[in-house]
């Protein structure tokens, strides 16, 4: 009978470990999904910054041309 009790205890431990692993898997999956959302958000921000940079560069060129008239020597 001690073998049956020991086997039962081992099965309970395996079951508990399996549940813990399943819960950890759910938490990892959630973290990966959050990371993906953040990465997408940053990619969108990066695109917006690049567009604004190009606009600002173009406007700086226009301003430089406009003020070149006022250069003194």
C-alpha atoms as a PDB file:
ATOM      1  CA  UNK A   1       0.000   0.000   0.000  1.00  0.00           C
ATOM      2  CA  UNK A   2       2.800   2.499   0.571  1.00  0.00           C
ATOM      3  CA  UNK A   3       3.601   2.310  -3.143  1.00  0.00           C
ATOM      4  CA  UNK A   4       0.016   3.255  -4.029  1.00  0.00           C
ATOM      5  CA  UNK A   5       0.142   6.258  -1.672  1.00  0.00           C
ATOM      6  CA  UNK A   6       3.490   7.318  -3.088  1.00  0.00           C
ATOM      7  CA  UNK A   7       2.208   6.929  -6.652  1.00  0.00           C
ATOM      8  CA  UNK A   8      -0.922   8.920  -5.813  1.00  0.00           C
ATOM      9  CA  UNK A   9       1.216  11.685  -4.302  1.00  0.00           C
ATOM     10  CA  UNK A  10       3.438  11.765  -7.396  1.00  0.00           C
ATOM     11  CA  UNK A  11       0.374  12.002  -9.640  1.00  0.00           C
ATOM     12  CA  UNK A  12      -0.967  14.920  -7.536  1.00  0.00           C
ATOM     13  CA  UNK A  13       2.403  16.676  -7.811  1.00  0.00           C
ATOM     14  CA  UNK A  14       2.527  16.130 -11.573  1.00  0.00           C
ATOM     15  CA  UNK A  15      -1.020  17.445 -11.898  1.00  0.00           C
ATOM     16  CA  UNK A  16      -0.192  20.535  -9.824  1.00  0.00           C
ATOM     17  CA  UNK A  17       2.947  21.144 -11.883  1.00  0.00           C
ATOM     18  CA  UNK A  18       0.985  20.794 -15.116  1.00  0.00           C
ATOM     19  CA  UNK A  19      -1.542  23.371 -13.910  1.00  0.00           C
ATOM     20  CA  UNK A  20       1.244  25.760 -12.939  1.00  0.00           C
ATOM     21  CA  UNK A  21       2.842  25.338 -16.369  1.00  0.00           C
ATOM     22  CA  UNK A  22      -0.489  25.953 -18.090  1.00  0.00           C
ATOM     23  CA  UNK A  23      -1.009  29.143 -16.066  1.00  0.00           C
ATOM     24  CA  UNK A  24       2.522  30.282 -16.874  1.00  0.00           C
ATOM     25  CA  UNK A  25       1.826  29.637 -20.555  1.00  0.00           C
ATOM     26  CA  UNK A  26      -1.270  31.830 -20.388  1.00  0.00           C
ATOM     27  CA  UNK A  27       0.746  34.626 -18.734  1.00  0.00           C
ATOM     28  CA  UNK A  28       3.514  34.320 -21.342  1.00  0.00           C
ATOM     29  CA  UNK A  29       0.968  34.434 -24.164  1.00  0.00           C
ATOM     30  CA  UNK A  30      -0.588  37.555 -22.655  1.00  0.00           C
ATOM     31  CA  UNK A  31       2.825  39.205 -22.337  1.00  0.00           C
ATOM     32  CA  UNK A  32       3.649  38.407 -25.965  1.00  0.00           C
ATOM     33  CA  UNK A  33       0.329  39.879 -27.104  1.00  0.00           C
ATOM     34  CA  UNK A  34       0.999  43.046 -25.082  1.00  0.00           C
ATOM     35  CA  UNK A  35       4.493  43.273 -26.555  1.00  0.00           C
ATOM     36  CA  UNK A  36       3.052  42.919 -30.058  1.00  0.00           C
ATOM     37  CA  UNK A  37       0.576  45.743 -29.414  1.00  0.00           C
ATOM     38  CA  UNK A  38       3.322  48.001 -28.098  1.00  0.00           C
ATOM     39  CA  UNK A  39       5.571  47.177 -31.056  1.00  0.00           C
ATOM     40  CA  UNK A  40       2.767  48.030 -33.490  1.00  0.00           C
ATOM     41  CA  UNK A  41       2.095  51.269 -31.638  1.00  0.00           C
ATOM     42  CA  UNK A  42       5.772  52.250 -31.793  1.00  0.00           C
ATOM     43  CA  UNK A  43       5.914  51.355 -35.485  1.00  0.00           C
ATOM     44  CA  UNK A  44       3.016  53.724 -36.105  1.00  0.00           C
ATOM     45  CA  UNK A  45       4.714  56.461 -34.124  1.00  0.00           C
ATOM     46  CA  UNK A  46       7.943  55.867 -36.013  1.00  0.00           C
ATOM     47  CA  UNK A  47       6.158  56.258 -39.349  1.00  0.00           C
ATOM     48  CA  UNK A  48       4.534  59.467 -38.142  1.00  0.00           C
ATOM     49  CA  UNK A  49       7.879  60.857 -36.984  1.00  0.00           C
ATOM     50  CA  UNK A  50       9.465  60.009 -40.341  1.00  0.00           C
ATOM     51  CA  UNK A  51       6.680  61.787 -42.203  1.00  0.00           C
ATOM     52  CA  UNK A  52       6.911  64.848 -39.960  1.00  0.00           C
ATOM     53  CA  UNK A  53      10.678  64.860 -40.406  1.00  0.00           C
ATOM     54  CA  UNK A  54      10.342  64.936 -44.175  1.00  0.00           C
ATOM     55  CA  UNK A  55       7.818  67.779 -43.979  1.00  0.00           C
ATOM     56  CA  UNK A  56      10.026  69.740 -41.603  1.00  0.00           C
ATOM     57  CA  UNK A  57      13.053  69.232 -43.833  1.00  0.00           C
ATOM     58  CA  UNK A  58      11.129  70.487 -46.861  1.00  0.00           C
ATOM     59  CA  UNK A  59       9.892  73.525 -44.958  1.00  0.00           C
ATOM     60  CA  UNK A  60      13.417  74.266 -43.742  1.00  0.00           C
ATOM     61  CA  UNK A  61      14.600  74.256 -47.345  1.00  0.00           C
ATOM     62  CA  UNK A  62      11.791  76.626 -48.318  1.00  0.00           C
ATOM     63  CA  UNK A  63      12.647  78.933 -45.430  1.00  0.00           C
ATOM     64  CA  UNK A  64      16.320  78.882 -46.340  1.00  0.00           C
ATOM     65  CA  UNK A  65      15.459  79.894 -49.896  1.00  0.00           C
ATOM     66  CA  UNK A  66      13.133  82.645 -48.689  1.00  0.00           C
ATOM     67  CA  UNK A  67      15.687  84.219 -46.361  1.00  0.00           C
ATOM     68  CA  UNK A  68      18.546  83.925 -48.827  1.00  0.00           C
ATOM     69  CA  UNK A  69      17.254  87.185 -50.309  1.00  0.00           C
ATOM     70  CA  UNK A  70      18.182  88.963 -47.060  1.00  0.00           C
ATOM     71  CA  UNK A  71      21.797  87.792 -46.910  1.00  0.00           C
ATOM     72  CA  UNK A  72      24.345  90.541 -46.383  1.00  0.00           C
ATOM     73  CA  UNK A  73      27.952  90.506 -47.355  1.00  0.00           C
END
